[in-house]
Each structure stands twice: as C-alpha cells, then as structure tokens.
Protein backbone atom coordinates (compact mmCIF):
# COMPACT_ATOMS: atom_id res chain seq x y z
CA UNK A 1 53.94 142.38 -88.27
CA UNK A 2 55.92 143.20 -91.01
CA UNK A 3 59.17 145.64 -90.38
CA UNK A 4 59.37 149.12 -91.61
CA UNK A 5 62.58 148.57 -92.38
CA UNK A 6 62.25 145.95 -94.70
CA UNK A 7 61.17 146.22 -98.00
CA UNK A 8 57.23 145.09 -100.30
CA UNK A 9 59.33 143.00 -103.14
CA UNK A 10 56.86 142.05 -105.18
CA UNK A 11 58.07 139.47 -108.33
CA UNK A 12 57.89 140.95 -111.98
CA UNK A 13 58.47 137.98 -113.82
CA UNK A 14 60.12 134.25 -113.64
CA UNK A 15 61.31 131.75 -115.25
CA UNK A 16 63.96 129.04 -114.85
CA UNK A 17 66.83 130.59 -114.81
CA UNK A 18 65.45 134.46 -115.09
CA UNK A 19 64.11 136.85 -112.26
CA UNK A 20 62.64 140.61 -112.26
CA UNK A 21 60.61 142.38 -108.94
CA UNK A 22 60.66 145.62 -107.37
CA UNK A 23 60.96 147.07 -103.71
CA UNK A 24 59.08 148.95 -102.11
CA UNK A 25 62.46 150.77 -100.09
CA UNK A 26 61.55 151.97 -97.06
CA UNK A 27 61.91 156.20 -98.04
CA UNK A 28 59.87 155.76 -100.45
CA UNK A 29 62.07 154.65 -103.90
CA UNK A 30 61.45 151.91 -106.07
CA UNK A 31 64.22 149.51 -107.09
CA UNK A 32 64.43 147.44 -109.87
CA UNK A 33 66.07 143.92 -109.71
CA UNK A 34 66.75 141.54 -112.53
CA UNK A 35 68.80 138.33 -111.07
CA UNK A 36 70.38 136.85 -114.60
CA UNK A 37 71.27 133.27 -113.00
CA UNK A 38 73.66 133.86 -110.58
CA UNK A 39 73.80 138.07 -111.08
CA UNK A 40 71.55 139.84 -110.12
CA UNK A 41 70.93 144.08 -111.19
CA UNK A 42 70.52 146.27 -109.19
CA UNK A 43 67.88 149.94 -110.98
CA UNK A 44 67.00 152.90 -109.81
CA UNK A 45 63.82 154.05 -111.66
CA UNK A 46 64.85 155.87 -114.52
CA UNK A 47 66.60 153.25 -114.82
CA UNK A 48 65.06 150.56 -115.40
CA UNK A 49 62.65 152.74 -117.72
CA UNK A 50 66.64 153.46 -119.99
CA UNK A 51 66.94 149.25 -119.64
CA UNK A 52 63.67 148.44 -120.15
CA UNK A 53 63.86 151.02 -123.17
CA UNK A 54 66.37 148.76 -124.86
CA UNK A 55 64.80 146.02 -124.40
CA UNK A 56 61.74 147.07 -127.32
CA UNK A 57 64.65 148.53 -128.76
CA UNK A 58 66.08 144.44 -128.92
CA UNK A 59 63.39 142.48 -129.07
CA UNK A 60 62.01 145.25 -131.93
CA UNK A 61 64.90 144.89 -134.33
CA UNK A 62 65.06 141.05 -133.69
C-alpha cells in the first residue's frame, strides 16, 4: 500500500546524464525537477512553464 505522504512521481524524459521528472505532492501541488549530473533544479508549476518557454526560445534561436 502506498504512503499518502509520499509524492507520486513520473519520469518525463531521460538521457544518459539528465533526468526530468514531476511529482504530485500530497498537498495537491505539482512540482517539476531536472537532474543535471550532480545538480537538481526544482520548479513549481508556473516556474516550470517559464522554463519551458525559455527552452523553446533557445531552440528557435539555435
């Protein structure tokens, strides 16, 4: 049986060195996480959307 205190997690994308995943927190909040080698970035939903917009802009300009 799952512990209601533990978040439900889902891997969004993964490479050899990077991992993006999200967590459905017990309080109903969704958080997003990016593991980049030994650094992990944590985002709330609105911050994640802004980060995705930044990534899209970088791709367009590349």
